[in-house]
Each structure stands twice: as structure tokens, then as C-alpha cells.
Amino acid sequence: MMAVLESKTTNQKLVPNLEVAKDFWSRGKGLLGRKDLPESQALWIHRCNSIHTCFMQFSIDCVFVDKNLKVKAIYQDVKPWRLVLPVWGASSVIEMASGTSSKLKINVGDQLYVGA
């Protein structure tokens, strides 16, 4: 399922191709098996407040959000074979290409929105 990630804080479209991982298998697989991720794409993993990048082939930015899509934490340039410990208050994570979160000027406290 594809959606669009927007910022209500800055009133702009951030990611035009947001892939949503809701079920057990898509959440478990995440970005594994991919060689890269274009800046126009991201993966939103539901029910996830920590991540690992074991077996990944590229670095990513991780934007952790609460159940209302308010940004709780941002981890930039998370390299392969790393672990991001649980983020208190986060209920999901949006994974994007390394450097994308700063280019899009996403900040902790921003209010995001996912639409069609």
C-alpha cells in the first residue's frame, strides 16, 4: 500500500511514495533485500519503536513518531549492523534514505500526516 507523507507543521509534502508495513511479514522484512531507497520513497513500519539494520546494504534515517504522528526522535545516517534502542512514546517509525530527514527539515515535535 502506498501513501503520501506530509508535514502539518510546515504544510508541505515530504515523501510522495510512502510504503506502509502493517502486517507481520512486511514489518519483519522492512528494507531488507533492497540495495537502496530513493529520496522520494520511505517505509512506515507500524507498531515499532526500535529498529536494527542487520543485513542492510545502506544507511537510513529513522523518524520515530507517536500514535498521532508527532515526531518523537530522529536518528540520522544509521549505518548497517546498528541497533536503535526503543524510543519512549514512539509507536511507529518512518525509514528513509540517509540524509533525507535533514533535507526535508523534519524536526522533533513536528506534526506529520499520512494521506492517499
PDB file of N, CA and C in Angstrom:
ATOM      1  N   MET A   1       0.840  -1.187   0.000  1.00  0.00           N
ATOM      2  CA  MET A   1       0.000   0.000   0.000  1.00  0.00           C
ATOM      3  C   MET A   1       0.884   1.249   0.000  1.00  0.00           C
ATOM      4  N   MET A   2       0.638   2.171  -0.916  1.00  0.00           N
ATOM      5  CA  MET A   2       1.408   3.421  -0.971  1.00  0.00           C
ATOM      6  C   MET A   2       0.549   4.575  -0.463  1.00  0.00           C
ATOM      7  N   ALA A   3       1.194   5.503   0.193  1.00  0.00           N
ATOM      8  CA  ALA A   3       0.525   6.685   0.710  1.00  0.00           C
ATOM      9  C   ALA A   3       1.465   7.877   0.495  1.00  0.00           C
ATOM     10  N   VAL A   4       1.080   9.027   1.025  1.00  0.00           N
ATOM     11  CA  VAL A   4       1.882  10.243   0.921  1.00  0.00           C
ATOM     12  C   VAL A   4       2.156  10.755   2.333  1.00  0.00           C
ATOM     13  N   LEU A   5       3.412  11.105   2.622  1.00  0.00           N
ATOM     14  CA  LEU A   5       3.774  11.672   3.923  1.00  0.00           C
ATOM     15  C   LEU A   5       3.843  13.178   3.795  1.00  0.00           C
ATOM     16  N   GLU A   6       3.110  13.864   4.676  1.00  0.00           N
ATOM     17  CA  GLU A   6       3.088  15.324   4.669  1.00  0.00           C
ATOM     18  C   GLU A   6       3.413  15.852   6.058  1.00  0.00           C
ATOM     19  N   SER A   7       3.817  17.104   6.115  1.00  0.00           N
ATOM     20  CA  SER A   7       4.056  17.780   7.388  1.00  0.00           C
ATOM     21  C   SER A   7       2.951  18.808   7.600  1.00  0.00           C
ATOM     22  N   LYS A   8       2.218  18.653   8.690  1.00  0.00           N
ATOM     23  CA  LYS A   8       1.221  19.667   9.034  1.00  0.00           C
ATOM     24  C   LYS A   8       1.918  20.903   9.614  1.00  0.00           C
ATOM     25  N   THR A   9       3.099  20.694  10.191  1.00  0.00           N
ATOM     26  CA  THR A   9       3.855  21.794  10.788  1.00  0.00           C
ATOM     27  C   THR A   9       4.304  22.789   9.726  1.00  0.00           C
ATOM     28  N   THR A  10       4.857  22.277   8.617  1.00  0.00           N
ATOM     29  CA  THR A  10       5.365  23.157   7.560  1.00  0.00           C
ATOM     30  C   THR A  10       4.419  23.219   6.360  1.00  0.00           C
ATOM     31  N   ASN A  11       3.346  22.433   6.422  1.00  0.00           N
ATOM     32  CA  ASN A  11       2.334  22.413   5.356  1.00  0.00           C
ATOM     33  C   ASN A  11       2.949  22.075   3.997  1.00  0.00           C
ATOM     34  N   GLN A  12       3.755  20.991   3.964  1.00  0.00           N
ATOM     35  CA  GLN A  12       4.358  20.582   2.703  1.00  0.00           C
ATOM     36  C   GLN A  12       4.369  19.063   2.571  1.00  0.00           C
ATOM     37  N   LYS A  13       4.393  18.603   1.323  1.00  0.00           N
ATOM     38  CA  LYS A  13       4.505  17.177   1.032  1.00  0.00           C
ATOM     39  C   LYS A  13       5.957  16.789   1.225  1.00  0.00           C
ATOM     40  N   LEU A  14       6.195  15.732   2.003  1.00  0.00           N
ATOM     41  CA  LEU A  14       7.553  15.301   2.292  1.00  0.00           C
ATOM     42  C   LEU A  14       7.982  14.118   1.430  1.00  0.00           C
ATOM     43  N   VAL A  15       7.181  13.067   1.416  1.00  0.00           N
ATOM     44  CA  VAL A  15       7.515  11.844   0.681  1.00  0.00           C
ATOM     45  C   VAL A  15       6.303  11.430  -0.147  1.00  0.00           C
ATOM     46  N   PRO A  16       6.414  11.481  -1.478  1.00  0.00           N
ATOM     47  CA  PRO A  16       5.265  11.156  -2.323  1.00  0.00           C
ATOM     48  C   PRO A  16       4.936   9.662  -2.390  1.00  0.00           C
ATOM     49  N   ASN A  17       5.920   8.815  -2.085  1.00  0.00           N
ATOM     50  CA  ASN A  17       5.714   7.365  -2.156  1.00  0.00           C
ATOM     51  C   ASN A  17       6.050   6.717  -0.819  1.00  0.00           C
ATOM     52  N   LEU A  18       5.078   6.711   0.084  1.00  0.00           N
ATOM     53  CA  LEU A  18       5.264   6.122   1.409  1.00  0.00           C
ATOM     54  C   LEU A  18       4.673   4.720   1.406  1.00  0.00           C
ATOM     55  N   GLU A  19       5.546   3.741   1.559  1.00  0.00           N
ATOM     56  CA  GLU A  19       5.111   2.345   1.642  1.00  0.00           C
ATOM     57  C   GLU A  19       4.737   2.070   3.101  1.00  0.00           C
ATOM     58  N   VAL A  20       3.618   1.390   3.320  1.00  0.00           N
ATOM     59  CA  VAL A  20       3.129   1.139   4.670  1.00  0.00           C
ATOM     60  C   VAL A  20       3.285  -0.348   4.996  1.00  0.00           C
ATOM     61  N   ALA A  21       3.999  -0.641   6.082  1.00  0.00           N
ATOM     62  CA  ALA A  21       4.201  -2.021   6.531  1.00  0.00           C
ATOM     63  C   ALA A  21       3.362  -2.236   7.787  1.00  0.00           C
ATOM     64  N   LYS A  22       2.194  -2.866   7.605  1.00  0.00           N
ATOM     65  CA  LYS A  22       1.290  -3.092   8.731  1.00  0.00           C
ATOM     66  C   LYS A  22       1.290  -4.527   9.225  1.00  0.00           C
ATOM     67  N   ASP A  23       1.438  -5.494   8.289  1.00  0.00           N
ATOM     68  CA  ASP A  23       1.313  -6.888   8.708  1.00  0.00           C
ATOM     69  C   ASP A  23       2.660  -7.441   9.192  1.00  0.00           C
ATOM     70  N   PHE A  24       2.600  -8.585   9.820  1.00  0.00           N
ATOM     71  CA  PHE A  24       3.764  -9.209  10.443  1.00  0.00           C
ATOM     72  C   PHE A  24       4.942  -9.354   9.477  1.00  0.00           C
ATOM     73  N   TRP A  25       4.678  -9.868   8.278  1.00  0.00           N
ATOM     74  CA  TRP A  25       5.757 -10.142   7.329  1.00  0.00           C
ATOM     75  C   TRP A  25       6.389  -8.873   6.771  1.00  0.00           C
ATOM     76  N   SER A  26       5.577  -7.897   6.391  1.00  0.00           N
ATOM     77  CA  SER A  26       6.142  -6.658   5.826  1.00  0.00           C
ATOM     78  C   SER A  26       6.881  -5.856   6.893  1.00  0.00           C
ATOM     79  N   ARG A  27       6.399  -5.909   8.137  1.00  0.00           N
ATOM     80  CA  ARG A  27       7.091  -5.218   9.227  1.00  0.00           C
ATOM     81  C   ARG A  27       8.421  -5.908   9.527  1.00  0.00           C
ATOM     82  N   GLY A  28       8.416  -7.244   9.507  1.00  0.00           N
ATOM     83  CA  GLY A  28       9.632  -8.005   9.797  1.00  0.00           C
ATOM     84  C   GLY A  28      10.696  -7.842   8.723  1.00  0.00           C
ATOM     85  N   LYS A  29      10.275  -7.786   7.474  1.00  0.00           N
ATOM     86  CA  LYS A  29      11.221  -7.651   6.367  1.00  0.00           C
ATOM     87  C   LYS A  29      11.779  -6.237   6.285  1.00  0.00           C
ATOM     88  N   GLY A  30      10.929  -5.245   6.487  1.00  0.00           N
ATOM     89  CA  GLY A  30      11.388  -3.860   6.413  1.00  0.00           C
ATOM     90  C   GLY A  30      12.050  -3.557   5.088  1.00  0.00           C
ATOM     91  N   LEU A  31      13.255  -3.036   5.138  1.00  0.00           N
ATOM     92  CA  LEU A  31      14.002  -2.683   3.931  1.00  0.00           C
ATOM     93  C   LEU A  31      15.036  -3.749   3.555  1.00  0.00           C
ATOM     94  N   LEU A  32      15.006  -4.889   4.236  1.00  0.00           N
ATOM     95  CA  LEU A  32      15.968  -5.953   3.933  1.00  0.00           C
ATOM     96  C   LEU A  32      15.814  -6.416   2.497  1.00  0.00           C
ATOM     97  N   GLY A  33      16.930  -6.663   1.852  1.00  0.00           N
ATOM     98  CA  GLY A  33      16.936  -7.157   0.481  1.00  0.00           C
ATOM     99  C   GLY A  33      16.996  -6.051  -0.566  1.00  0.00           C
ATOM    100  N   ARG A  34      16.863  -4.819  -0.142  1.00  0.00           N
ATOM    101  CA  ARG A  34      16.943  -3.701  -1.095  1.00  0.00           C
ATOM    102  C   ARG A  34      18.373  -3.182  -1.152  1.00  0.00           C
ATOM    103  N   LYS A  35      18.766  -2.702  -2.314  1.00  0.00           N
ATOM    104  CA  LYS A  35      20.120  -2.156  -2.484  1.00  0.00           C
ATOM    105  C   LYS A  35      20.183  -0.668  -2.144  1.00  0.00           C
ATOM    106  N   ASP A  36      19.043   0.012  -2.232  1.00  0.00           N
ATOM    107  CA  ASP A  36      18.988   1.429  -1.898  1.00  0.00           C
ATOM    108  C   ASP A  36      17.527   1.836  -1.721  1.00  0.00           C
ATOM    109  N   LEU A  37      17.327   3.105  -1.424  1.00  0.00           N
ATOM    110  CA  LEU A  37      15.992   3.662  -1.262  1.00  0.00           C
ATOM    111  C   LEU A  37      16.018   5.072  -1.837  1.00  0.00           C
ATOM    112  N   PRO A  38      15.234   5.343  -2.889  1.00  0.00           N
ATOM    113  CA  PRO A  38      15.212   6.695  -3.456  1.00  0.00           C
ATOM    114  C   PRO A  38      14.685   7.713  -2.427  1.00  0.00           C
ATOM    115  N   GLU A  39      15.098   8.966  -2.572  1.00  0.00           N
ATOM    116  CA  GLU A  39      14.635  10.009  -1.643  1.00  0.00           C
ATOM    117  C   GLU A  39      13.127  10.222  -1.714  1.00  0.00           C
ATOM    118  N   SER A  40      12.514   9.841  -2.829  1.00  0.00           N
ATOM    119  CA  SER A  40      11.067  10.029  -2.991  1.00  0.00           C
ATOM    120  C   SER A  40      10.262   8.914  -2.327  1.00  0.00           C
ATOM    121  N   GLN A  41      10.973   7.945  -1.722  1.00  0.00           N
ATOM    122  CA  GLN A  41      10.303   6.825  -1.079  1.00  0.00           C
ATOM    123  C   GLN A  41      10.684   6.735   0.384  1.00  0.00           C
ATOM    124  N   ALA A  42       9.788   6.117   1.175  1.00  0.00           N
ATOM    125  CA  ALA A  42      10.079   5.820   2.572  1.00  0.00           C
ATOM    126  C   ALA A  42       9.223   4.626   2.972  1.00  0.00           C
ATOM    127  N   LEU A  43       9.555   4.022   4.104  1.00  0.00           N
ATOM    128  CA  LEU A  43       8.804   2.894   4.625  1.00  0.00           C
ATOM    129  C   LEU A  43       8.322   3.242   6.019  1.00  0.00           C
ATOM    130  N   TRP A  44       7.017   3.141   6.225  1.00  0.00           N
ATOM    131  CA  TRP A  44       6.408   3.411   7.531  1.00  0.00           C
ATOM    132  C   TRP A  44       6.087   2.073   8.174  1.00  0.00           C
ATOM    133  N   ILE A  45       6.779   1.755   9.266  1.00  0.00           N
ATOM    134  CA  ILE A  45       6.592   0.480   9.949  1.00  0.00           C
ATOM    135  C   ILE A  45       5.734   0.706  11.193  1.00  0.00           C
ATOM    136  N   HIS A  46       4.553   0.120  11.189  1.00  0.00           N
ATOM    137  CA  HIS A  46       3.623   0.232  12.315  1.00  0.00           C
ATOM    138  C   HIS A  46       4.092  -0.622  13.490  1.00  0.00           C
ATOM    139  N   ARG A  47       3.644  -0.263  14.693  1.00  0.00           N
ATOM    140  CA  ARG A  47       3.939  -0.990  15.928  1.00  0.00           C
ATOM    141  C   ARG A  47       5.440  -1.283  16.046  1.00  0.00           C
ATOM    142  N   CYS A  48       6.223  -0.231  16.015  1.00  0.00           N
ATOM    143  CA  CYS A  48       7.684  -0.370  16.023  1.00  0.00           C
ATOM    144  C   CYS A  48       8.297   0.855  16.696  1.00  0.00           C
ATOM    145  N   ASN A  49       8.993   0.642  17.833  1.00  0.00           N
ATOM    146  CA  ASN A  49       9.642   1.777  18.488  1.00  0.00           C
ATOM    147  C   ASN A  49      11.156   1.603  18.600  1.00  0.00           C
ATOM    148  N   SER A  50      11.686   0.559  17.949  1.00  0.00           N
ATOM    149  CA  SER A  50      13.138   0.374  17.858  1.00  0.00           C
ATOM    150  C   SER A  50      13.419  -0.385  16.559  1.00  0.00           C
ATOM    151  N   ILE A  51      14.640  -0.257  16.054  1.00  0.00           N
ATOM    152  CA  ILE A  51      14.974  -0.928  14.796  1.00  0.00           C
ATOM    153  C   ILE A  51      16.401  -1.467  14.859  1.00  0.00           C
ATOM    154  N   HIS A  52      16.703  -2.358  13.929  1.00  0.00           N
ATOM    155  CA  HIS A  52      18.077  -2.784  13.710  1.00  0.00           C
ATOM    156  C   HIS A  52      18.338  -2.675  12.205  1.00  0.00           C
ATOM    157  N   THR A  53      19.591  -2.577  11.851  1.00  0.00           N
ATOM    158  CA  THR A  53      19.950  -2.515  10.429  1.00  0.00           C
ATOM    159  C   THR A  53      20.859  -3.683  10.049  1.00  0.00           C
ATOM    160  N   CYS A  54      20.721  -4.800  10.764  1.00  0.00           N
ATOM    161  CA  CYS A  54      21.485  -6.005  10.433  1.00  0.00           C
ATOM    162  C   CYS A  54      21.096  -6.473   9.034  1.00  0.00           C
ATOM    163  N   PHE A  55      22.083  -6.853   8.265  1.00  0.00           N
ATOM    164  CA  PHE A  55      21.919  -7.348   6.898  1.00  0.00           C
ATOM    165  C   PHE A  55      21.511  -6.270   5.887  1.00  0.00           C
ATOM    166  N   MET A  56      21.413  -5.009   6.319  1.00  0.00           N
ATOM    167  CA  MET A  56      21.071  -3.942   5.376  1.00  0.00           C
ATOM    168  C   MET A  56      22.307  -3.581   4.549  1.00  0.00           C
ATOM    169  N   GLN A  57      22.056  -3.016   3.360  1.00  0.00           N
ATOM    170  CA  GLN A  57      23.142  -2.693   2.444  1.00  0.00           C
ATOM    171  C   GLN A  57      23.384  -1.190   2.314  1.00  0.00           C
ATOM    172  N   PHE A  58      22.645  -0.387   3.090  1.00  0.00           N
ATOM    173  CA  PHE A  58      22.796   1.064   3.000  1.00  0.00           C
ATOM    174  C   PHE A  58      22.358   1.703   4.312  1.00  0.00           C
ATOM    175  N   SER A  59      22.764   2.961   4.520  1.00  0.00           N
ATOM    176  CA  SER A  59      22.395   3.713   5.719  1.00  0.00           C
ATOM    177  C   SER A  59      21.024   4.348   5.537  1.00  0.00           C
ATOM    178  N   ILE A  60      20.335   4.571   6.653  1.00  0.00           N
ATOM    179  CA  ILE A  60      18.998   5.161   6.615  1.00  0.00           C
ATOM    180  C   ILE A  60      18.828   6.225   7.694  1.00  0.00           C
ATOM    181  N   ASP A  61      17.817   7.073   7.510  1.00  0.00           N
ATOM    182  CA  ASP A  61      17.339   7.969   8.561  1.00  0.00           C
ATOM    183  C   ASP A  61      16.077   7.345   9.129  1.00  0.00           C
ATOM    184  N   CYS A  62      15.899   7.433  10.437  1.00  0.00           N
ATOM    185  CA  CYS A  62      14.732   6.867  11.113  1.00  0.00           C
ATOM    186  C   CYS A  62      13.996   7.976  11.853  1.00  0.00           C
ATOM    187  N   VAL A  63      12.738   8.178  11.493  1.00  0.00           N
ATOM    188  CA  VAL A  63      11.903   9.191  12.140  1.00  0.00           C
ATOM    189  C   VAL A  63      10.860   8.449  12.964  1.00  0.00           C
ATOM    190  N   PHE A  64      11.013   8.490  14.285  1.00  0.00           N
ATOM    191  CA  PHE A  64      10.085   7.814  15.184  1.00  0.00           C
ATOM    192  C   PHE A  64       8.940   8.759  15.536  1.00  0.00           C
ATOM    193  N   VAL A  65       7.712   8.247  15.427  1.00  0.00           N
ATOM    194  CA  VAL A  65       6.522   9.059  15.691  1.00  0.00           C
ATOM    195  C   VAL A  65       5.617   8.357  16.691  1.00  0.00           C
ATOM    196  N   ASP A  66       4.791   9.156  17.390  1.00  0.00           N
ATOM    197  CA  ASP A  66       3.821   8.574  18.314  1.00  0.00           C
ATOM    198  C   ASP A  66       2.552   8.199  17.558  1.00  0.00           C
ATOM    199  N   LYS A  67       1.529   7.772  18.275  1.00  0.00           N
ATOM    200  CA  LYS A  67       0.299   7.300  17.617  1.00  0.00           C
ATOM    201  C   LYS A  67      -0.417   8.409  16.857  1.00  0.00           C
ATOM    202  N   ASN A  68      -0.128   9.668  17.168  1.00  0.00           N
ATOM    203  CA  ASN A  68      -0.725  10.811  16.467  1.00  0.00           C
ATOM    204  C   ASN A  68       0.185  11.377  15.380  1.00  0.00           C
ATOM    205  N   LEU A  69       1.276  10.689  15.111  1.00  0.00           N
ATOM    206  CA  LEU A  69       2.282  11.067  14.104  1.00  0.00           C
ATOM    207  C   LEU A  69       3.065  12.331  14.466  1.00  0.00           C
ATOM    208  N   LYS A  70       3.216  12.569  15.744  1.00  0.00           N
ATOM    209  CA  LYS A  70       4.095  13.651  16.202  1.00  0.00           C
ATOM    210  C   LYS A  70       5.499  13.065  16.330  1.00  0.00           C
ATOM    211  N   VAL A  71       6.492  13.760  15.765  1.00  0.00           N
ATOM    212  CA  VAL A  71       7.867  13.260  15.752  1.00  0.00           C
ATOM    213  C   VAL A  71       8.441  13.262  17.171  1.00  0.00           C
ATOM    214  N   LYS A  72       8.875  12.064  17.610  1.00  0.00           N
ATOM    215  CA  LYS A  72       9.457  11.902  18.949  1.00  0.00           C
ATOM    216  C   LYS A  72      10.981  11.910  18.911  1.00  0.00           C
ATOM    217  N   ALA A  73      11.563  11.338  17.859  1.00  0.00           N
ATOM    218  CA  ALA A  73      13.029  11.259  17.750  1.00  0.00           C
ATOM    219  C   ALA A  73      13.417  11.044  16.298  1.00  0.00           C
ATOM    220  N   ILE A  74      14.610  11.500  15.958  1.00  0.00           N
ATOM    221  CA  ILE A  74      15.152  11.307  14.614  1.00  0.00           C
ATOM    222  C   ILE A  74      16.576  10.772  14.759  1.00  0.00           C
ATOM    223  N   TYR A  75      16.846   9.660  14.094  1.00  0.00           N
ATOM    224  CA  TYR A  75      18.194   9.101  14.045  1.00  0.00           C
ATOM    225  C   TYR A  75      18.653   9.202  12.602  1.00  0.00           C
ATOM    226  N   GLN A  76      19.730   9.954  12.390  1.00  0.00           N
ATOM    227  CA  GLN A  76      20.210  10.184  11.031  1.00  0.00           C
ATOM    228  C   GLN A  76      21.401   9.290  10.711  1.00  0.00           C
ATOM    229  N   ASP A  77      21.480   8.872   9.450  1.00  0.00           N
ATOM    230  CA  ASP A  77      22.605   8.107   8.924  1.00  0.00           C
ATOM    231  C   ASP A  77      22.923   6.867   9.776  1.00  0.00           C
ATOM    232  N   VAL A  78      21.881   6.073  10.051  1.00  0.00           N
ATOM    233  CA  VAL A  78      22.071   4.832  10.793  1.00  0.00           C
ATOM    234  C   VAL A  78      22.683   3.810   9.828  1.00  0.00           C
ATOM    235  N   LYS A  79      23.902   3.424  10.114  1.00  0.00           N
ATOM    236  CA  LYS A  79      24.657   2.545   9.220  1.00  0.00           C
ATOM    237  C   LYS A  79      24.218   1.083   9.393  1.00  0.00           C
ATOM    238  N   PRO A  80      24.545   0.236   8.395  1.00  0.00           N
ATOM    239  CA  PRO A  80      24.241  -1.196   8.541  1.00  0.00           C
ATOM    240  C   PRO A  80      24.884  -1.782   9.806  1.00  0.00           C
ATOM    241  N   TRP A  81      24.230  -2.797  10.353  1.00  0.00           N
ATOM    242  CA  TRP A  81      24.664  -3.514  11.540  1.00  0.00           C
ATOM    243  C   TRP A  81      24.632  -2.658  12.811  1.00  0.00           C
ATOM    244  N   ARG A  82      23.631  -1.783  12.881  1.00  0.00           N
ATOM    245  CA  ARG A  82      23.442  -0.969  14.082  1.00  0.00           C
ATOM    246  C   ARG A  82      22.090  -1.304  14.722  1.00  0.00           C
ATOM    247  N   LEU A  83      21.934  -0.892  15.978  1.00  0.00           N
ATOM    248  CA  LEU A  83      20.696  -1.090  16.725  1.00  0.00           C
ATOM    249  C   LEU A  83      20.259   0.258  17.280  1.00  0.00           C
ATOM    250  N   VAL A  84      18.998   0.610  17.082  1.00  0.00           N
ATOM    251  CA  VAL A  84      18.435   1.806  17.696  1.00  0.00           C
ATOM    252  C   VAL A  84      17.507   1.318  18.798  1.00  0.00           C
ATOM    253  N   LEU A  85      17.855   1.654  20.030  1.00  0.00           N
ATOM    254  CA  LEU A  85      17.084   1.210  21.184  1.00  0.00           C
ATOM    255  C   LEU A  85      15.688   1.833  21.175  1.00  0.00           C
ATOM    256  N   PRO A  86      14.755   1.242  21.944  1.00  0.00           N
ATOM    257  CA  PRO A  86      13.378   1.758  21.945  1.00  0.00           C
ATOM    258  C   PRO A  86      13.295   3.259  22.255  1.00  0.00           C
ATOM    259  N   VAL A  87      12.442   3.938  21.502  1.00  0.00           N
ATOM    260  CA  VAL A  87      12.198   5.367  21.688  1.00  0.00           C
ATOM    261  C   VAL A  87      10.928   5.498  22.516  1.00  0.00           C
ATOM    262  N   TRP A  88      11.059   6.092  23.692  1.00  0.00           N
ATOM    263  CA  TRP A  88       9.920   6.220  24.594  1.00  0.00           C
ATOM    264  C   TRP A  88       8.818   7.065  23.943  1.00  0.00           C
ATOM    265  N   GLY A  89       7.605   6.536  23.935  1.00  0.00           N
ATOM    266  CA  GLY A  89       6.462   7.260  23.379  1.00  0.00           C
ATOM    267  C   GLY A  89       6.242   7.044  21.894  1.00  0.00           C
ATOM    268  N   ALA A  90       7.179   6.395  21.221  1.00  0.00           N
ATOM    269  CA  ALA A  90       7.016   6.156  19.774  1.00  0.00           C
ATOM    270  C   ALA A  90       6.187   4.896  19.556  1.00  0.00           C
ATOM    271  N   SER A  91       5.347   4.943  18.515  1.00  0.00           N
ATOM    272  CA  SER A  91       4.546   3.761  18.189  1.00  0.00           C
ATOM    273  C   SER A  91       4.851   3.234  16.786  1.00  0.00           C
ATOM    274  N   SER A  92       5.577   4.020  15.991  1.00  0.00           N
ATOM    275  CA  SER A  92       5.964   3.582  14.655  1.00  0.00           C
ATOM    276  C   SER A  92       7.192   4.362  14.206  1.00  0.00           C
ATOM    277  N   VAL A  93       7.775   3.887  13.091  1.00  0.00           N
ATOM    278  CA  VAL A  93       8.976   4.542  12.568  1.00  0.00           C
ATOM    279  C   VAL A  93       8.842   4.692  11.064  1.00  0.00           C
ATOM    280  N   ILE A  94       9.353   5.789  10.558  1.00  0.00           N
ATOM    281  CA  ILE A  94       9.415   6.027   9.119  1.00  0.00           C
ATOM    282  C   ILE A  94      10.883   5.989   8.732  1.00  0.00           C
ATOM    283  N   GLU A  95      11.227   4.999   7.890  1.00  0.00           N
ATOM    284  CA  GLU A  95      12.609   4.837   7.448  1.00  0.00           C
ATOM    285  C   GLU A  95      12.756   5.440   6.066  1.00  0.00           C
ATOM    286  N   MET A  96      13.807   6.246   5.893  1.00  0.00           N
ATOM    287  CA  MET A  96      14.052   6.926   4.614  1.00  0.00           C
ATOM    288  C   MET A  96      15.541   6.921   4.310  1.00  0.00           C
ATOM    289  N   ALA A  97      15.870   7.267   3.094  1.00  0.00           N
ATOM    290  CA  ALA A  97      17.269   7.300   2.683  1.00  0.00           C
ATOM    291  C   ALA A  97      18.069   8.227   3.593  1.00  0.00           C
ATOM    292  N   SER A  98      19.314   7.856   3.828  1.00  0.00           N
ATOM    293  CA  SER A  98      20.187   8.655   4.677  1.00  0.00           C
ATOM    294  C   SER A  98      20.294  10.083   4.133  1.00  0.00           C
ATOM    295  N   GLY A  99      20.132  11.057   5.018  1.00  0.00           N
ATOM    296  CA  GLY A  99      20.214  12.470   4.642  1.00  0.00           C
ATOM    297  C   GLY A  99      18.873  13.093   4.295  1.00  0.00           C
ATOM    298  N   THR A 100      17.861  12.265   4.078  1.00  0.00           N
ATOM    299  CA  THR A 100      16.554  12.782   3.647  1.00  0.00           C
ATOM    300  C   THR A 100      15.856  13.588   4.739  1.00  0.00           C
ATOM    301  N   SER A 101      15.934  13.134   5.983  1.00  0.00           N
ATOM    302  CA  SER A 101      15.220  13.844   7.049  1.00  0.00           C
ATOM    303  C   SER A 101      15.741  15.276   7.225  1.00  0.00           C
ATOM    304  N   SER A 102      17.049  15.483   7.058  1.00  0.00           N
ATOM    305  CA  SER A 102      17.576  16.854   7.183  1.00  0.00           C
ATOM    306  C   SER A 102      17.248  17.684   5.946  1.00  0.00           C
ATOM    307  N   LYS A 103      17.286  17.067   4.752  1.00  0.00           N
ATOM    308  CA  LYS A 103      16.909  17.794   3.533  1.00  0.00           C
ATOM    309  C   LYS A 103      15.460  18.260   3.592  1.00  0.00           C
ATOM    310  N   LEU A 104      14.606  17.430   4.188  1.00  0.00           N
ATOM    311  CA  LEU A 104      13.184  17.772   4.304  1.00  0.00           C
ATOM    312  C   LEU A 104      12.898  18.654   5.518  1.00  0.00           C
ATOM    313  N   LYS A 105      13.943  18.906   6.326  1.00  0.00           N
ATOM    314  CA  LYS A 105      13.836  19.756   7.518  1.00  0.00           C
ATOM    315  C   LYS A 105      12.801  19.227   8.514  1.00  0.00           C
ATOM    316  N   ILE A 106      12.806  17.914   8.715  1.00  0.00           N
ATOM    317  CA  ILE A 106      11.932  17.296   9.709  1.00  0.00           C
ATOM    318  C   ILE A 106      12.582  17.481  11.074  1.00  0.00           C
ATOM    319  N   ASN A 107      11.799  17.931  12.059  1.00  0.00           N
ATOM    320  CA  ASN A 107      12.314  18.186  13.398  1.00  0.00           C
ATOM    321  C   ASN A 107      11.483  17.458  14.449  1.00  0.00           C
ATOM    322  N   VAL A 108      12.115  17.161  15.582  1.00  0.00           N
ATOM    323  CA  VAL A 108      11.383  16.593  16.713  1.00  0.00           C
ATOM    324  C   VAL A 108      10.278  17.582  17.088  1.00  0.00           C
ATOM    325  N   GLY A 109       9.077  17.076  17.304  1.00  0.00           N
ATOM    326  CA  GLY A 109       7.932  17.913  17.628  1.00  0.00           C
ATOM    327  C   GLY A 109       7.045  18.223  16.437  1.00  0.00           C
ATOM    328  N   ASP A 110       7.544  18.000  15.216  1.00  0.00           N
ATOM    329  CA  ASP A 110       6.728  18.242  14.017  1.00  0.00           C
ATOM    330  C   ASP A 110       5.516  17.320  14.007  1.00  0.00           C
ATOM    331  N   GLN A 111       4.428  17.816  13.456  1.00  0.00           N
ATOM    332  CA  GLN A 111       3.199  17.024  13.303  1.00  0.00           C
ATOM    333  C   GLN A 111       3.125  16.556  11.869  1.00  0.00           C
ATOM    334  N   LEU A 112       3.183  15.244  11.677  1.00  0.00           N
ATOM    335  CA  LEU A 112       3.118  14.667  10.334  1.00  0.00           C
ATOM    336  C   LEU A 112       1.704  14.174  10.037  1.00  0.00           C
ATOM    337  N   TYR A 113       1.472  13.857   8.780  1.00  0.00           N
ATOM    338  CA  TYR A 113       0.170  13.370   8.330  1.00  0.00           C
ATOM    339  C   TYR A 113       0.390  12.395   7.179  1.00  0.00           C
ATOM    340  N   VAL A 114      -0.352  11.305   7.174  1.00  0.00           N
ATOM    341  CA  VAL A 114      -0.277  10.341   6.079  1.00  0.00           C
ATOM    342  C   VAL A 114      -1.620  10.346   5.359  1.00  0.00           C
ATOM    343  N   GLY A 115      -1.567  10.608   4.061  1.00  0.00           N
ATOM    344  CA  GLY A 115      -2.783  10.639   3.241  1.00  0.00           C
ATOM    345  C   GLY A 115      -2.607   9.794   2.000  1.00  0.00           C
ATOM    346  N   ALA A 116      -3.660   9.770   1.216  1.00  0.00           N
ATOM    347  CA  ALA A 116      -3.633   8.960  -0.008  1.00  0.00           C
ATOM    348  C   ALA A 116      -3.026   9.731  -1.162  1.00  0.00           C
TER     349      ALA A 116
END
